[in-house]
Amino acid sequence: MSRMIQRYSFSERLMHWLTALTYTYCFCTGLAFYTPYLFWLAVILGGGPTSRFWHPIVGVAFFLIALWMHSVWGPDMKLTETDKRWLDRSKDYASNNDGVLPPQERFNGGQKVFYWVMYCGAFFLLLSGIFIWFPEYISFSLAWVRQTMIVIHEIAALVTIGGFIIHVYMSVFFVPGSVEGMTTGFVPIRWARAHHKLWYIRMTGGEAPSKE
C-alpha cells in the first residue's frame, strides 16, 4: 500500500468546498434566470422567488470565501517561469504525456490560471451584481449603467462557468486522485511525485521511490 502525504489541511478543504457549494448554487440559479429553458433549476431549488432572494446573498458569500481562499492560497498562485513553460506544453498534459512537462510546485500552471479566473471573476460578478440587485437606486438617466453591468455579469458568469466545468472534469476524470486529496486531505506519495514533483521534493526532501 502506498504511503500517503498530506496535501490539504481541514481548513483548506473546508474553504474549497464552501466555495464550490456557493458557486454551484449561484451557477444553477443564474442559469435559471438566464433562460426559461433552464428555469426548472430554480423550481428544484425552492422556486423562482426563493432563488431570486438567495442568489445575490449566496453570491456575496461566494465572494467572501474567495477572499478567504486568497489569503491562504494567494502566495502559492503566483505564476512562475516554470508555470509558463508548463502552460506552453499544456497540450502534452492534455494528451497524458506528463513525462515531458516541467516539474510543478504544489499547484500547476493550469490550476493557477483557473484560480485567477475564478478570483477575478468573483470581483466582476459582485460589482456588476450589486447594480442588478438594487435597480431601484439607479436613476433613469443611468439606466445604461445597469445594462452595461448586466452584460459584464453575463460575461463573467460564462467565463467562470467554463472554468468551473473544466476544473470539475479535470479533477474527477482526467487526474484520478485529485478528488481524494480534496476530500481526505491526503494523496499517495507516488501521485505527488508524478504530478507535483517540486512540491513533493520540498515536502519530503526527495524520498526515494523504494521507501514508499
Protein backbone atom coordinates (compact mmCIF):
# COMPACT_ATOMS: atom_id res chain seq x y z
CA MET A 1 0.00 0.00 0.00
CA SER A 2 1.38 3.41 -0.98
CA ARG A 3 2.39 5.81 1.74
CA MET A 4 0.37 8.99 1.94
CA ILE A 5 1.31 12.65 2.19
CA GLN A 6 -0.91 15.47 3.39
CA ARG A 7 -1.89 17.78 0.56
CA TYR A 8 -4.62 19.93 2.14
CA SER A 9 -5.45 20.86 5.71
CA PHE A 10 -9.00 20.71 7.05
CA SER A 11 -9.45 24.49 6.75
CA GLU A 12 -8.24 24.40 3.14
CA ARG A 13 -10.70 21.66 2.27
CA LEU A 14 -13.49 23.50 4.09
CA MET A 15 -12.94 26.74 2.19
CA HIS A 16 -12.66 24.84 -1.11
CA TRP A 17 -15.96 23.00 -0.66
CA LEU A 18 -17.74 26.11 0.64
CA THR A 19 -16.55 27.94 -2.46
CA ALA A 20 -17.72 25.06 -4.65
CA LEU A 21 -21.16 24.88 -2.98
CA THR A 22 -21.85 28.61 -3.07
CA TYR A 23 -20.67 28.90 -6.66
CA THR A 24 -22.73 25.88 -7.74
CA TYR A 25 -25.86 27.42 -6.21
CA CYS A 26 -25.26 30.73 -7.99
CA PHE A 27 -24.38 28.84 -11.17
CA CYS A 28 -27.68 26.91 -11.15
CA THR A 29 -29.94 29.80 -10.13
CA GLY A 30 -28.17 32.14 -12.51
CA LEU A 31 -28.76 29.80 -15.43
CA ALA A 32 -32.42 29.56 -14.40
CA PHE A 33 -32.73 33.34 -14.68
CA TYR A 34 -30.71 33.45 -17.90
CA THR A 35 -33.03 31.30 -19.98
CA PRO A 36 -36.58 29.95 -19.46
CA TYR A 37 -35.39 26.57 -20.72
CA LEU A 38 -33.42 26.15 -17.50
CA PHE A 39 -35.95 27.65 -15.10
CA TRP A 40 -36.58 24.14 -13.77
CA LEU A 41 -33.32 24.59 -11.84
CA ALA A 42 -34.94 27.38 -9.83
CA VAL A 43 -38.02 25.21 -9.26
CA ILE A 44 -35.82 22.45 -7.83
CA LEU A 45 -34.07 24.96 -5.57
CA GLY A 46 -37.27 26.24 -3.99
CA GLY A 47 -38.96 28.22 -6.72
CA GLY A 48 -38.35 31.48 -8.57
CA PRO A 49 -38.88 33.97 -5.70
CA THR A 50 -36.76 31.88 -3.32
CA SER A 51 -33.94 31.57 -5.84
CA ARG A 52 -34.15 35.29 -6.62
CA PHE A 53 -33.87 36.09 -2.91
CA TRP A 54 -30.93 33.79 -2.16
CA HIS A 55 -28.92 34.16 -5.39
CA PRO A 56 -27.30 37.52 -4.51
CA ILE A 57 -26.85 36.63 -0.84
CA VAL A 58 -25.09 33.37 -1.65
CA GLY A 59 -23.13 35.31 -4.28
CA VAL A 60 -21.79 37.63 -1.58
CA ALA A 61 -20.89 34.55 0.50
CA PHE A 62 -19.00 33.14 -2.50
CA PHE A 63 -17.07 36.39 -2.82
CA LEU A 64 -16.15 36.46 0.89
CA ILE A 65 -15.00 32.85 0.83
CA ALA A 66 -12.95 33.64 -2.29
CA LEU A 67 -11.21 36.38 -0.26
CA TRP A 68 -10.54 33.85 2.50
CA MET A 69 -9.11 31.44 -0.06
CA HIS A 70 -6.91 34.17 -1.50
CA SER A 71 -5.50 34.94 1.95
CA VAL A 72 -4.46 31.29 2.23
CA TRP A 73 -3.51 30.29 -1.32
CA GLY A 74 -2.66 33.64 -2.88
CA PRO A 75 1.13 33.33 -2.37
CA ASP A 76 1.10 29.83 -3.92
CA MET A 77 -0.75 31.06 -7.01
CA LYS A 78 1.88 33.42 -8.39
CA LEU A 79 2.78 32.38 -11.93
CA THR A 80 6.45 31.48 -12.31
CA GLU A 81 8.65 30.83 -15.33
CA THR A 82 8.19 27.10 -14.69
CA ASP A 83 4.42 27.60 -14.84
CA LYS A 84 4.74 29.46 -18.13
CA ARG A 85 6.79 26.61 -19.59
CA TRP A 86 4.14 24.18 -18.33
CA LEU A 87 1.38 26.21 -19.97
CA ASP A 88 3.34 26.28 -23.23
CA ARG A 89 3.24 22.47 -23.14
CA SER A 90 -0.33 22.12 -21.91
CA LYS A 91 -1.14 20.00 -24.98
CA ASP A 92 1.21 17.34 -23.59
CA TYR A 93 -0.70 17.48 -20.32
CA ALA A 94 -4.00 17.09 -22.17
CA SER A 95 -2.61 14.04 -24.00
CA ASN A 96 -1.29 12.46 -20.77
CA ASN A 97 2.31 12.92 -21.90
CA ASP A 98 3.37 14.09 -18.45
CA GLY A 99 6.95 12.90 -18.83
CA VAL A 100 7.93 15.90 -20.96
CA LEU A 101 6.31 18.51 -18.70
CA PRO A 102 8.46 20.65 -16.39
CA PRO A 103 8.07 19.60 -12.74
CA GLN A 104 5.48 21.62 -10.85
CA GLU A 105 5.06 23.03 -7.37
CA ARG A 106 2.00 22.49 -5.17
CA PHE A 107 -0.27 23.83 -7.94
CA ASN A 108 0.46 23.52 -11.65
CA GLY A 109 0.12 26.28 -14.20
CA GLY A 110 -3.37 25.22 -15.24
CA GLN A 111 -4.64 25.23 -11.67
CA LYS A 112 -3.20 28.70 -11.14
CA VAL A 113 -4.87 30.06 -14.27
CA PHE A 114 -8.20 28.59 -13.10
CA TYR A 115 -7.69 30.13 -9.68
CA TRP A 116 -7.16 33.61 -11.12
CA VAL A 117 -10.12 33.23 -13.47
CA MET A 118 -12.41 32.45 -10.53
CA TYR A 119 -10.88 35.01 -8.18
CA CYS A 120 -11.08 37.89 -10.67
CA GLY A 121 -14.47 36.61 -11.81
CA ALA A 122 -15.75 36.88 -8.23
CA PHE A 123 -14.94 40.60 -8.23
CA PHE A 124 -16.68 41.25 -11.55
CA LEU A 125 -19.70 39.20 -10.51
CA LEU A 126 -20.05 41.07 -7.22
CA LEU A 127 -19.54 44.53 -8.70
CA SER A 128 -21.97 44.00 -11.56
CA GLY A 129 -24.38 42.05 -9.37
CA ILE A 130 -24.86 44.97 -6.98
CA PHE A 131 -26.30 47.09 -9.81
CA ILE A 132 -28.67 44.27 -10.75
CA TRP A 133 -29.61 43.59 -7.12
CA PHE A 134 -30.73 47.14 -6.33
CA PRO A 135 -32.18 48.60 -9.56
CA GLU A 136 -34.47 50.96 -7.62
CA TYR A 137 -31.46 53.05 -6.62
CA ILE A 138 -30.40 53.69 -10.21
CA SER A 139 -31.95 56.76 -11.80
CA PHE A 140 -33.47 56.62 -15.25
CA SER A 141 -30.59 58.68 -16.65
CA LEU A 142 -28.16 55.99 -15.51
CA ALA A 143 -30.13 53.08 -16.92
CA TRP A 144 -27.29 52.47 -19.38
CA VAL A 145 -25.01 51.72 -16.43
CA ARG A 146 -27.27 48.89 -15.28
CA GLN A 147 -27.47 47.50 -18.82
CA THR A 148 -23.69 47.56 -19.04
CA MET A 149 -23.41 45.78 -15.70
CA ILE A 150 -25.82 43.09 -16.86
CA VAL A 151 -23.56 42.39 -19.84
CA ILE A 152 -20.48 42.32 -17.59
CA HIS A 153 -22.27 39.97 -15.19
CA GLU A 154 -23.19 37.60 -18.01
CA ILE A 155 -19.66 37.60 -19.44
CA ALA A 156 -18.10 36.99 -16.01
CA ALA A 157 -20.62 34.22 -15.35
CA LEU A 158 -19.96 32.47 -18.66
CA VAL A 159 -16.17 32.68 -18.24
CA THR A 160 -16.26 31.29 -14.69
CA ILE A 161 -18.78 28.61 -15.67
CA GLY A 162 -16.42 27.46 -18.42
CA GLY A 163 -13.51 27.36 -15.99
CA PHE A 164 -15.62 25.58 -13.37
CA ILE A 165 -16.72 22.84 -15.77
CA ILE A 166 -13.15 22.26 -16.96
CA HIS A 167 -11.94 22.16 -13.35
CA VAL A 168 -14.53 19.56 -12.34
CA TYR A 169 -13.80 17.42 -15.40
CA MET A 170 -10.03 17.54 -14.87
CA SER A 171 -10.33 16.76 -11.17
CA VAL A 172 -12.85 13.94 -11.42
CA PHE A 173 -11.99 12.23 -14.70
CA PHE A 174 -8.64 13.42 -16.02
CA VAL A 175 -6.37 13.29 -12.94
CA PRO A 176 -7.51 10.42 -10.70
CA GLY A 177 -6.61 11.10 -7.09
CA SER A 178 -7.35 14.83 -7.14
CA VAL A 179 -10.77 14.44 -5.53
CA GLU A 180 -9.33 12.10 -2.90
CA GLY A 181 -6.83 14.79 -1.94
CA MET A 182 -9.57 17.37 -1.53
CA THR A 183 -11.86 15.06 0.46
CA THR A 184 -9.43 13.23 2.77
CA GLY A 185 -6.60 15.75 2.64
CA PHE A 186 -4.05 13.08 1.68
CA VAL A 187 -2.64 11.72 -1.59
CA PRO A 188 -0.25 8.84 -2.30
CA ILE A 189 3.42 9.84 -2.41
CA ARG A 190 3.58 8.26 -5.87
CA TRP A 191 0.81 10.64 -7.04
CA ALA A 192 2.53 13.67 -5.51
CA ARG A 193 5.82 12.82 -7.18
CA ALA A 194 4.17 12.26 -10.55
CA HIS A 195 2.03 15.40 -10.65
CA HIS A 196 3.73 17.93 -8.37
CA LYS A 197 7.35 16.87 -8.16
CA LEU A 198 8.80 20.15 -6.86
CA TRP A 199 6.23 20.23 -4.07
CA TYR A 200 6.88 16.55 -3.32
CA ILE A 201 10.63 17.18 -3.04
CA ARG A 202 10.08 20.20 -0.81
CA MET A 203 7.73 18.26 1.48
CA THR A 204 9.68 15.02 1.71
CA GLY A 205 13.24 16.01 0.96
CA GLY A 206 13.07 13.86 -2.17
CA GLU A 207 12.45 10.42 -0.66
CA ALA A 208 13.49 7.58 -2.92
CA PRO A 209 10.66 5.57 -4.53
CA SER A 210 11.80 2.44 -2.68
CA LYS A 211 10.76 3.99 0.61
CA GLU A 212 7.06 4.04 -0.28
